[in-house]
Amino acid sequence: MRLGPWEIALIAMFVVVLFGARKIPEIMRGLGLGIKEFKSGLKEEENAGNGEDKQEKKPEEKENKEPTSS
């Protein structure tokens, strides 16, 4: 099912009539924040799955980066 330009324009006009021009930016902002939170949640889940290996390596890297005094 493809949406042509007339169908998209009709849907946009319906949304403007239904919600009003002032409410649309608030709705889009909330939608954007929701997508951002969803993506960050996915990244956290990926890191949690691989985090055990990375957490074990991080302290070693920190120890190697610390300057040694002679």
Foldseek 3Di string as FASTA:
>chain_A
DDDDPVNVVVVVVVCCVVQNPVCVVVVVVVVVVVVVVVVVVVVVVVCVVVVVVVVVVVVVVVVVPDDDDD
